[in-house]
């Protein structure tokens, strides 16, 4: 049975890679392969993919499972991105985004150390993880607010987009849900998440990110030179901001959702919190009122508000289906469990705890990259390392320190993560180019994390 599930898992992954290489529609490929995987699981195991929630027919349960994940994704990441995407569309239409670029970009365009400034923006993005826990939500907001400014700096689209991709893949913070999952899987003794964050996670991330940023700085310069990438595309600083016919304070509107999310968070007003979707909707409605008051042509002002809904449709047409199907594929891979079986076999072969931690972290990296399920990787390999640590009498925290950052940063080079396709669409950068440019800092981050956590500063 195990051998059959392993073969099925590897065949499906191979077919997905083939589909990507052949440039098939990725959403359709994910949906078809997931359906085949579910059907195969049903036939081989005799179990329903819905478990105890069966509708009474195992074949129909496959499509009931698809419906269940469709609903979950529509109410989660799809709704989140739709609200942000739509708000950005409205901001672009009334030229508030153009104003933001001109107001902030003109002085920044005179800065010579553009790549160094980008690294600073990446650090800010990494700290946003404290208040925006969703990778998708963080990326959507950064693309909507910081990406135009990065272009205004005179950076190429490829460099700016790959910088955002790497920065949003860093998972950390005292409120990080994945850390909580790992703590729940093994014996952490007297450790709490805040003390772990202060003693281990801050120095770990500080060192590894610093190394990765240095690599990114030089690799981006190399790629820009080699590919003759256009810098500052679409930004004309000879335009007077006043010529747009908007008051200068309109430049605040595009970043209003970020302001709301940061202010109404534990960082500022701890007693109140607001979601990204709610912040985007509030910002949209407030902008509509302000634009109605400002615009002398009231009919046109009302007509312009339709751009929000057009943005919703554009989001669904460009990336919505992919987000849904990526969630389905991740669930299918977890259900087949072929990679879990493979790694469990490697564990039984023996070896030092440090070796096992490194192998598990790298395997989790690969699993995340191929399956687009960082959460699944954390749950799977965290449980395995918890058992290994208990059997060997070793410190489980040593495993947590390495596994979590290595596993989650794999999102930046994953060909199946939906947010990467969103970033490619939103920034106008080819998906393979994004992954290629993100690879050097990701590799540097992984190597640095392993060295820091397992050799230089072990528990």
Protein backbone atom coordinates (compact mmCIF):
# COMPACT_ATOMS: atom_id res chain seq x y z
CA UNK A 1 0.00 0.00 0.00
CA UNK A 2 2.74 2.45 1.00
CA UNK A 3 4.68 1.81 -2.19
CA UNK A 4 1.57 2.53 -4.27
CA UNK A 5 0.92 5.83 -2.46
CA UNK A 6 4.57 6.87 -2.89
CA UNK A 7 4.46 6.14 -6.61
CA UNK A 8 1.17 8.00 -6.98
CA UNK A 9 2.55 11.05 -5.16
CA UNK A 10 5.72 11.16 -7.26
CA UNK A 11 3.83 10.64 -10.53
CA UNK A 12 1.41 13.49 -9.75
CA UNK A 13 4.29 15.81 -8.81
CA UNK A 14 6.13 14.86 -12.01
CA UNK A 15 3.04 15.55 -14.10
CA UNK A 16 2.64 18.94 -12.42
CA UNK A 17 6.25 19.86 -13.18
CA UNK A 18 5.68 18.75 -16.79
CA UNK A 19 2.55 20.92 -17.00
CA UNK A 20 4.49 23.92 -15.71
CA UNK A 21 7.35 23.34 -18.17
CA UNK A 22 4.91 22.94 -21.06
CA UNK A 23 3.13 26.13 -19.95
CA UNK A 24 -0.27 24.49 -19.54
CA UNK A 25 -2.92 26.35 -17.58
CA UNK A 26 -1.67 25.80 -14.02
CA UNK A 27 -5.06 26.14 -12.34
CA UNK A 28 -6.58 23.48 -14.60
CA UNK A 29 -3.53 21.22 -14.16
CA UNK A 30 -3.78 21.49 -10.36
CA UNK A 31 -7.51 20.78 -10.41
CA UNK A 32 -7.23 17.80 -12.77
CA UNK A 33 -4.27 16.23 -10.95
CA UNK A 34 -5.93 16.75 -7.57
CA UNK A 35 -9.12 15.09 -8.80
CA UNK A 36 -7.11 12.15 -10.13
CA UNK A 37 -5.26 11.95 -6.81
CA UNK A 38 -8.50 11.93 -4.82
CA UNK A 39 -10.01 9.24 -7.05
CA UNK A 40 -6.85 7.15 -6.80
CA UNK A 41 -6.85 7.46 -3.01
CA UNK A 42 -10.51 6.39 -2.88
CA UNK A 43 -9.94 3.32 -5.04
CA UNK A 44 -6.69 2.17 -3.39
CA UNK A 45 -7.60 2.74 0.26
CA UNK A 46 -11.34 2.18 0.00
CA UNK A 47 -11.84 5.28 2.15
CA UNK A 48 -13.79 8.43 1.38
CA UNK A 49 -11.81 11.65 0.96
CA UNK A 50 -14.52 13.27 3.10
CA UNK A 51 -13.94 10.89 5.98
CA UNK A 52 -16.94 10.73 8.31
CA UNK A 53 -18.61 13.59 6.44
CA UNK A 54 -19.40 11.41 3.43
CA UNK A 55 -22.45 12.26 1.35
CA UNK A 56 -23.15 8.56 0.97
CA UNK A 57 -21.23 7.92 -2.25
CA UNK A 58 -17.41 7.82 -2.35
CA UNK A 59 -17.24 8.98 -5.97
CA UNK A 60 -19.41 12.02 -5.29
CA UNK A 61 -17.38 12.66 -2.14
CA UNK A 62 -14.43 13.60 -4.35
CA UNK A 63 -16.39 16.50 -5.78
CA UNK A 64 -17.91 17.35 -2.41
CA UNK A 65 -14.32 17.71 -1.19
CA UNK A 66 -13.59 20.06 -4.09
CA UNK A 67 -16.63 22.12 -3.12
CA UNK A 68 -15.52 22.25 0.51
CA UNK A 69 -12.08 23.63 -0.38
CA UNK A 70 -13.61 26.01 -2.94
CA UNK A 71 -15.76 27.48 -0.17
CA UNK A 72 -12.88 27.76 2.27
CA UNK A 73 -10.62 29.48 -0.27
CA UNK A 74 -13.35 31.85 -1.48
CA UNK A 75 -14.02 32.97 2.08
CA UNK A 76 -10.31 33.27 2.85
CA UNK A 77 -7.48 34.16 0.47
CA UNK A 78 -9.69 34.85 -2.55
CA UNK A 79 -11.87 37.35 -0.69
CA UNK A 80 -8.81 38.99 0.84
CA UNK A 81 -7.04 39.40 -2.49
CA UNK A 82 -10.22 40.45 -4.27
CA UNK A 83 -10.75 43.35 -1.86
CA UNK A 84 -7.12 44.53 -2.16
CA UNK A 85 -6.97 44.03 -5.94
CA UNK A 86 -10.23 45.93 -6.39
CA UNK A 87 -9.10 48.80 -4.17
CA UNK A 88 -5.85 49.09 -6.14
CA UNK A 89 -7.85 49.17 -9.38
CA UNK A 90 -9.92 52.09 -8.07
CA UNK A 91 -6.81 53.93 -6.82
CA UNK A 92 -5.18 53.49 -10.23
CA UNK A 93 -8.28 54.76 -12.02
CA UNK A 94 -8.55 57.99 -10.03
CA UNK A 95 -4.74 58.38 -10.36
CA UNK A 96 -4.11 58.40 -6.62
CA UNK A 97 -1.41 55.74 -7.15
CA UNK A 98 0.29 57.94 -9.74
CA UNK A 99 0.27 60.79 -7.24
CA UNK A 100 1.83 58.59 -4.54
CA UNK A 101 4.61 57.58 -6.92
CA UNK A 102 5.37 61.17 -7.88
CA UNK A 103 5.25 62.55 -4.35
CA UNK A 104 7.47 59.87 -2.82
CA UNK A 105 9.37 58.77 -5.88
CA UNK A 106 10.75 62.09 -7.05
CA UNK A 107 13.03 62.66 -4.04
CA UNK A 108 13.85 58.95 -3.78
CA UNK A 109 14.84 58.84 -7.45
CA UNK A 110 17.84 61.01 -6.59
CA UNK A 111 19.18 58.41 -4.16
CA UNK A 112 22.16 56.67 -5.71
CA UNK A 113 22.18 53.56 -3.53
CA UNK A 114 18.89 52.25 -4.97
CA UNK A 115 19.60 48.59 -4.23
CA UNK A 116 20.48 49.41 -0.64
CA UNK A 117 17.19 51.30 -0.26
CA UNK A 118 15.37 48.25 -1.64
CA UNK A 119 17.02 46.10 1.02
CA UNK A 120 15.71 48.56 3.59
CA UNK A 121 12.21 48.27 2.15
CA UNK A 122 12.55 44.48 2.31
CA UNK A 123 13.38 44.71 6.03
CA UNK A 124 10.27 46.84 6.58
CA UNK A 125 8.24 44.23 4.69
CA UNK A 126 9.67 41.48 6.90
CA UNK A 127 8.59 43.41 10.01
CA UNK A 128 5.08 43.76 8.58
CA UNK A 129 4.71 40.05 9.37
CA UNK A 130 4.08 41.15 12.97
CA UNK A 131 0.72 42.63 12.00
CA UNK A 132 -0.10 40.87 8.71
CA UNK A 133 0.13 37.13 9.30
CA UNK A 134 -1.11 35.99 5.89
CA UNK A 135 1.58 35.70 3.21
CA UNK A 136 -1.04 36.45 0.58
CA UNK A 137 -2.35 39.48 2.45
CA UNK A 138 1.10 40.85 3.14
CA UNK A 139 2.12 40.46 -0.50
CA UNK A 140 -1.07 42.07 -1.78
CA UNK A 141 -0.62 45.14 0.38
CA UNK A 142 3.09 45.50 -0.36
CA UNK A 143 2.46 45.22 -4.10
CA UNK A 144 -0.31 47.81 -3.87
CA UNK A 145 1.67 50.34 -1.85
CA UNK A 146 5.45 49.79 -1.96
CA UNK A 147 5.96 48.35 -5.45
CA UNK A 148 5.14 51.61 -7.29
CA UNK A 149 7.55 53.44 -4.99
CA UNK A 150 10.30 50.92 -5.72
CA UNK A 151 9.80 51.54 -9.44
CA UNK A 152 9.96 55.24 -8.71
CA UNK A 153 13.35 54.64 -7.13
CA UNK A 154 14.58 53.61 -10.56
CA UNK A 155 14.68 49.88 -9.88
CA UNK A 156 13.67 47.31 -12.47
CA UNK A 157 10.35 45.53 -12.13
CA UNK A 158 12.17 42.21 -11.84
CA UNK A 159 14.36 43.36 -8.96
CA UNK A 160 11.55 45.08 -7.07
CA UNK A 161 9.18 42.12 -7.47
CA UNK A 162 11.76 39.49 -6.47
CA UNK A 163 12.66 41.58 -3.42
CA UNK A 164 9.02 41.58 -2.36
CA UNK A 165 8.79 37.85 -3.03
CA UNK A 166 11.71 37.00 -0.76
CA UNK A 167 10.71 39.41 2.03
CA UNK A 168 7.13 38.15 2.24
CA UNK A 169 8.34 34.55 2.48
CA UNK A 170 10.07 35.16 5.83
CA UNK A 171 7.80 33.74 8.54
CA UNK A 172 8.52 34.84 12.10
CA UNK A 173 7.21 36.81 15.06
CA UNK A 174 5.70 36.10 18.49
CA UNK A 175 2.23 35.78 16.94
CA UNK A 176 3.30 33.49 14.10
CA UNK A 177 0.77 30.66 13.89
CA UNK A 178 3.30 28.16 12.55
CA UNK A 179 5.47 28.57 15.65
CA UNK A 180 2.43 27.83 17.77
CA UNK A 181 1.76 24.69 15.72
CA UNK A 182 5.33 23.46 16.24
CA UNK A 183 5.15 24.16 19.97
CA UNK A 184 1.99 22.08 20.16
CA UNK A 185 3.62 19.08 18.45
CA UNK A 186 6.53 18.38 20.80
CA UNK A 187 7.91 18.77 24.32
CA UNK A 188 9.22 22.32 24.68
CA UNK A 189 9.67 22.17 28.44
CA UNK A 190 9.40 25.58 30.12
CA UNK A 191 9.80 27.48 26.88
CA UNK A 192 7.08 29.90 25.79
CA UNK A 193 6.74 31.45 22.35
CA UNK A 194 7.67 34.99 23.55
CA UNK A 195 10.86 33.76 25.26
CA UNK A 196 11.74 31.61 22.25
CA UNK A 197 11.19 34.60 19.99
CA UNK A 198 13.40 36.87 22.09
CA UNK A 199 16.27 34.45 22.72
CA UNK A 200 16.46 32.48 19.51
CA UNK A 201 14.25 33.71 16.69
CA UNK A 202 15.39 37.35 16.64
CA UNK A 203 19.14 36.54 16.36
CA UNK A 204 18.48 33.64 13.96
CA UNK A 205 16.46 35.77 11.57
CA UNK A 206 18.73 38.81 11.94
CA UNK A 207 21.82 36.85 10.88
CA UNK A 208 20.21 34.79 8.12
CA UNK A 209 18.29 37.72 6.60
CA UNK A 210 21.43 39.89 6.67
CA UNK A 211 23.36 37.24 4.73
CA UNK A 212 20.47 36.81 2.28
CA UNK A 213 20.16 40.58 1.70
CA UNK A 214 23.87 40.84 0.89
CA UNK A 215 23.50 38.04 -1.65
CA UNK A 216 20.31 39.62 -3.05
CA UNK A 217 22.06 43.01 -3.41
CA UNK A 218 24.77 41.60 -5.66
CA UNK A 219 22.66 38.99 -7.47
CA UNK A 220 20.06 41.63 -8.43
CA UNK A 221 22.74 43.90 -9.86
CA UNK A 222 24.10 40.93 -11.80
CA UNK A 223 20.69 39.93 -13.21
CA UNK A 224 19.79 43.52 -14.14
CA UNK A 225 23.05 43.86 -16.04
CA UNK A 226 22.83 40.45 -17.70
CA UNK A 227 19.17 40.81 -18.72
CA UNK A 228 19.47 44.51 -19.54
CA UNK A 229 16.40 45.06 -17.39
CA UNK A 230 14.54 48.36 -17.83
CA UNK A 231 14.70 50.46 -14.67
CA UNK A 232 11.98 52.78 -13.43
CA UNK A 233 9.63 51.65 -16.20
CA UNK A 234 6.50 53.75 -16.46
CA UNK A 235 7.68 56.53 -14.12
CA UNK A 236 8.11 60.06 -15.51
CA UNK A 237 9.38 62.42 -12.83
CA UNK A 238 9.06 65.44 -15.09
CA UNK A 239 5.34 65.39 -14.42
CA UNK A 240 4.19 67.96 -11.86
CA UNK A 241 2.05 66.20 -9.21
CA UNK A 242 -0.38 69.13 -9.35
CA UNK A 243 -1.04 68.40 -13.03
CA UNK A 244 -3.02 65.31 -11.99
CA UNK A 245 -5.69 67.63 -10.59
CA UNK A 246 -5.68 65.95 -7.19
CA UNK A 247 -4.92 67.43 -3.78
CA UNK A 248 -1.51 66.24 -2.55
CA UNK A 249 -3.01 64.51 0.47
CA UNK A 250 -4.67 62.08 -1.95
CA UNK A 251 -1.27 60.34 -1.99
CA UNK A 252 -2.22 58.87 1.39
CA UNK A 253 -5.26 57.02 0.03
CA UNK A 254 -3.39 54.12 -1.67
CA UNK A 255 -1.57 53.27 1.57
CA UNK A 256 -4.58 53.84 3.83
CA UNK A 257 -5.27 50.06 4.24
CA UNK A 258 -1.69 49.55 5.49
CA UNK A 259 -2.02 52.44 7.90
CA UNK A 260 -5.26 51.04 9.29
CA UNK A 261 -3.88 47.51 9.65
CA UNK A 262 -0.72 48.72 11.44
CA UNK A 263 -2.42 51.26 13.72
CA UNK A 264 -5.20 48.92 14.77
CA UNK A 265 -2.89 46.09 15.77
CA UNK A 266 -0.94 45.03 18.88
CA UNK A 267 1.85 47.40 17.77
CA UNK A 268 -0.27 50.53 18.40
CA UNK A 269 -3.89 50.11 19.49
CA UNK A 270 -3.82 46.65 20.98
CA UNK A 271 -7.47 46.63 22.00
CA UNK A 272 -8.70 46.97 18.41
CA UNK A 273 -7.75 44.97 15.32
CA UNK A 274 -8.93 45.17 11.73
CA UNK A 275 -8.53 42.66 8.93
CA UNK A 276 -6.98 43.48 5.55
CA UNK A 277 -10.30 42.92 3.80
CA UNK A 278 -12.15 45.22 6.20
CA UNK A 279 -9.41 47.86 5.92
CA UNK A 280 -9.61 47.73 2.11
CA UNK A 281 -13.39 48.08 2.11
CA UNK A 282 -13.27 50.96 4.59
CA UNK A 283 -10.60 52.70 2.51
CA UNK A 284 -12.63 52.21 -0.66
CA UNK A 285 -15.84 53.65 0.80
CA UNK A 286 -13.98 56.61 2.33
CA UNK A 287 -12.23 57.25 -1.00
CA UNK A 288 -15.57 57.13 -2.82
CA UNK A 289 -16.99 59.80 -0.50
CA UNK A 290 -13.91 62.01 -0.83
CA UNK A 291 -13.86 61.64 -4.60
CA UNK A 292 -17.58 62.46 -4.82
CA UNK A 293 -16.96 65.65 -2.84
CA UNK A 294 -13.86 66.62 -4.86
CA UNK A 295 -15.06 65.83 -8.36
CA UNK A 296 -17.33 68.50 -9.83
CA UNK A 297 -18.77 65.91 -12.22
CA UNK A 298 -20.80 63.92 -9.67
CA UNK A 299 -22.08 61.49 -12.28
CA UNK A 300 -18.52 60.65 -13.35
CA UNK A 301 -17.46 60.27 -9.72
CA UNK A 302 -20.15 57.64 -9.21
CA UNK A 303 -19.29 55.97 -12.51
CA UNK A 304 -15.63 55.70 -11.43
CA UNK A 305 -16.58 53.64 -8.38
CA UNK A 306 -17.41 50.73 -10.72
CA UNK A 307 -13.67 50.22 -11.20
CA UNK A 308 -13.65 48.53 -7.81
CA UNK A 309 -15.99 45.81 -9.04
CA UNK A 310 -14.13 45.49 -12.31
CA UNK A 311 -11.01 44.90 -10.21
CA UNK A 312 -12.80 42.06 -8.44
CA UNK A 313 -13.52 40.41 -11.77
CA UNK A 314 -9.98 40.93 -13.03
CA UNK A 315 -8.61 39.32 -9.88
CA UNK A 316 -10.78 36.22 -10.30
CA UNK A 317 -9.91 35.96 -13.99
CA UNK A 318 -6.17 36.29 -13.40
CA UNK A 319 -5.41 34.55 -10.12
CA UNK A 320 -8.59 33.54 -8.25
CA UNK A 321 -8.91 30.09 -9.81
CA UNK A 322 -5.25 29.36 -9.21
CA UNK A 323 -5.52 30.18 -5.51
CA UNK A 324 -8.47 27.81 -5.13
CA UNK A 325 -6.84 24.98 -7.08
CA UNK A 326 -3.53 25.37 -5.24
CA UNK A 327 -5.39 24.81 -1.97
CA UNK A 328 -7.02 21.71 -3.41
CA UNK A 329 -3.67 20.35 -4.60
CA UNK A 330 -2.03 20.89 -1.21
CA UNK A 331 -4.86 18.96 0.46
CA UNK A 332 -4.56 16.14 -2.06
CA UNK A 333 -0.79 15.79 -1.52
CA UNK A 334 -1.30 15.67 2.23
CA UNK A 335 -3.99 13.01 1.86
CA UNK A 336 -1.87 10.75 -0.36
CA UNK A 337 1.01 11.09 2.12
CA UNK A 338 3.68 9.64 -0.16
CA UNK A 339 6.37 12.10 0.95
CA UNK A 340 5.62 11.41 4.61
CA UNK A 341 6.15 7.70 4.02
CA UNK A 342 9.46 8.36 2.24
CA UNK A 343 10.81 10.53 5.02
CA UNK A 344 9.68 8.19 7.78
CA UNK A 345 11.73 5.49 6.07
CA UNK A 346 14.80 7.74 6.07
CA UNK A 347 14.36 8.46 9.77
CA UNK A 348 14.32 4.75 10.63
CA UNK A 349 17.74 4.41 9.01
CA UNK A 350 19.42 6.09 11.98
CA UNK A 351 21.88 8.98 12.09
CA UNK A 352 22.59 11.86 14.48
CA UNK A 353 19.83 14.16 15.64
CA UNK A 354 21.50 17.13 13.95
CA UNK A 355 21.66 15.22 10.67
CA UNK A 356 18.01 14.24 11.00
CA UNK A 357 16.99 17.86 11.73
CA UNK A 358 18.87 19.12 8.68
CA UNK A 359 17.45 16.39 6.44
CA UNK A 360 13.93 16.99 7.75
CA UNK A 361 14.24 20.75 7.22
CA UNK A 362 15.50 20.29 3.66
CA UNK A 363 12.78 17.73 2.97
CA UNK A 364 10.20 20.16 4.35
CA UNK A 365 11.66 22.84 2.07
CA UNK A 366 11.24 20.53 -0.93
CA UNK A 367 7.74 19.47 0.14
CA UNK A 368 6.65 23.11 0.53
CA UNK A 369 8.18 24.07 -2.80
CA UNK A 370 6.38 21.27 -4.66
CA UNK A 371 3.08 21.11 -2.79
CA UNK A 372 2.56 24.82 -1.93
CA UNK A 373 1.64 23.77 1.59
CA UNK A 374 3.95 25.29 4.16
CA UNK A 375 1.39 24.59 6.85
CA UNK A 376 1.23 20.94 5.82
CA UNK A 377 5.02 20.68 5.86
CA UNK A 378 5.22 22.19 9.35
CA UNK A 379 2.60 19.80 10.69
CA UNK A 380 4.13 16.78 8.96
CA UNK A 381 7.83 17.28 9.67
CA UNK A 382 7.28 18.97 13.01
CA UNK A 383 5.53 15.83 14.24
CA UNK A 384 8.33 13.65 12.89
CA UNK A 385 11.05 15.73 14.58
CA UNK A 386 9.08 15.79 17.83
CA UNK A 387 9.18 11.98 17.85
CA UNK A 388 12.89 11.94 16.96
CA UNK A 389 13.73 14.44 19.72
CA UNK A 390 11.76 12.47 22.29
CA UNK A 391 13.38 9.17 21.31
CA UNK A 392 16.89 10.66 21.34
CA UNK A 393 16.34 12.72 24.48
CA UNK A 394 17.39 15.86 22.60
CA UNK A 395 16.10 19.44 22.72
CA UNK A 396 13.05 19.82 20.48
CA UNK A 397 13.64 23.60 20.32
CA UNK A 398 16.76 22.86 18.23
CA UNK A 399 14.49 21.31 15.61
CA UNK A 400 11.99 24.19 15.72
CA UNK A 401 14.75 26.77 15.16
CA UNK A 402 15.83 25.17 11.89
CA UNK A 403 12.62 23.67 10.52
CA UNK A 404 10.32 26.70 10.68
CA UNK A 405 12.37 29.32 8.75
CA UNK A 406 13.79 26.84 6.21
CA UNK A 407 10.38 25.34 5.48
CA UNK A 408 8.49 28.61 5.04
CA UNK A 409 11.09 30.45 2.92
CA UNK A 410 10.58 27.75 0.27
CA UNK A 411 7.42 29.64 -0.73
CA UNK A 412 9.65 32.15 -2.51
CA UNK A 413 10.86 29.57 -5.03
CA UNK A 414 7.75 27.43 -5.30
CA UNK A 415 6.26 26.91 -8.78
CA UNK A 416 2.89 26.05 -7.23
CA UNK A 417 2.31 28.75 -4.58
CA UNK A 418 -0.66 30.85 -5.69
CA UNK A 419 0.68 34.12 -4.28
CA UNK A 420 3.71 33.87 -6.56
CA UNK A 421 1.44 33.82 -9.60
CA UNK A 422 -0.46 36.77 -8.16
CA UNK A 423 2.82 38.68 -7.78
CA UNK A 424 3.81 37.86 -11.36
CA UNK A 425 0.45 39.10 -12.64
CA UNK A 426 0.34 42.22 -10.48
CA UNK A 427 3.90 43.33 -11.26
CA UNK A 428 4.10 42.26 -14.89
CA UNK A 429 7.12 40.01 -14.29
CA UNK A 430 7.28 36.49 -15.74
CA UNK A 431 6.77 33.81 -13.10
CA UNK A 432 9.97 31.85 -13.95
CA UNK A 433 11.96 35.09 -13.73
CA UNK A 434 10.63 35.76 -10.24
CA UNK A 435 11.63 32.32 -9.01
CA UNK A 436 15.07 32.52 -10.64
CA UNK A 437 15.85 35.87 -9.06
CA UNK A 438 14.57 34.82 -5.64
CA UNK A 439 16.70 31.66 -5.63
CA UNK A 440 20.10 33.18 -4.62
CA UNK A 441 18.87 34.91 -1.41
CA UNK A 442 16.72 31.90 -0.55
CA UNK A 443 19.68 29.52 -0.85
CA UNK A 444 21.82 31.90 1.23
CA UNK A 445 19.08 32.12 3.86
CA UNK A 446 18.72 28.33 4.10
CA UNK A 447 22.46 27.68 4.38
CA UNK A 448 22.87 30.46 6.93
CA UNK A 449 19.93 29.20 9.02
CA UNK A 450 21.32 25.66 9.14
CA UNK A 451 24.80 26.89 10.12
CA UNK A 452 23.51 29.29 12.78
CA UNK A 453 20.98 26.96 14.40
CA UNK A 454 22.85 23.66 14.24
CA UNK A 455 26.56 24.54 14.35
CA UNK A 456 27.46 28.12 15.29
CA UNK A 457 24.85 28.74 18.00
CA UNK A 458 23.19 25.40 18.82
CA UNK A 459 20.80 25.02 21.75
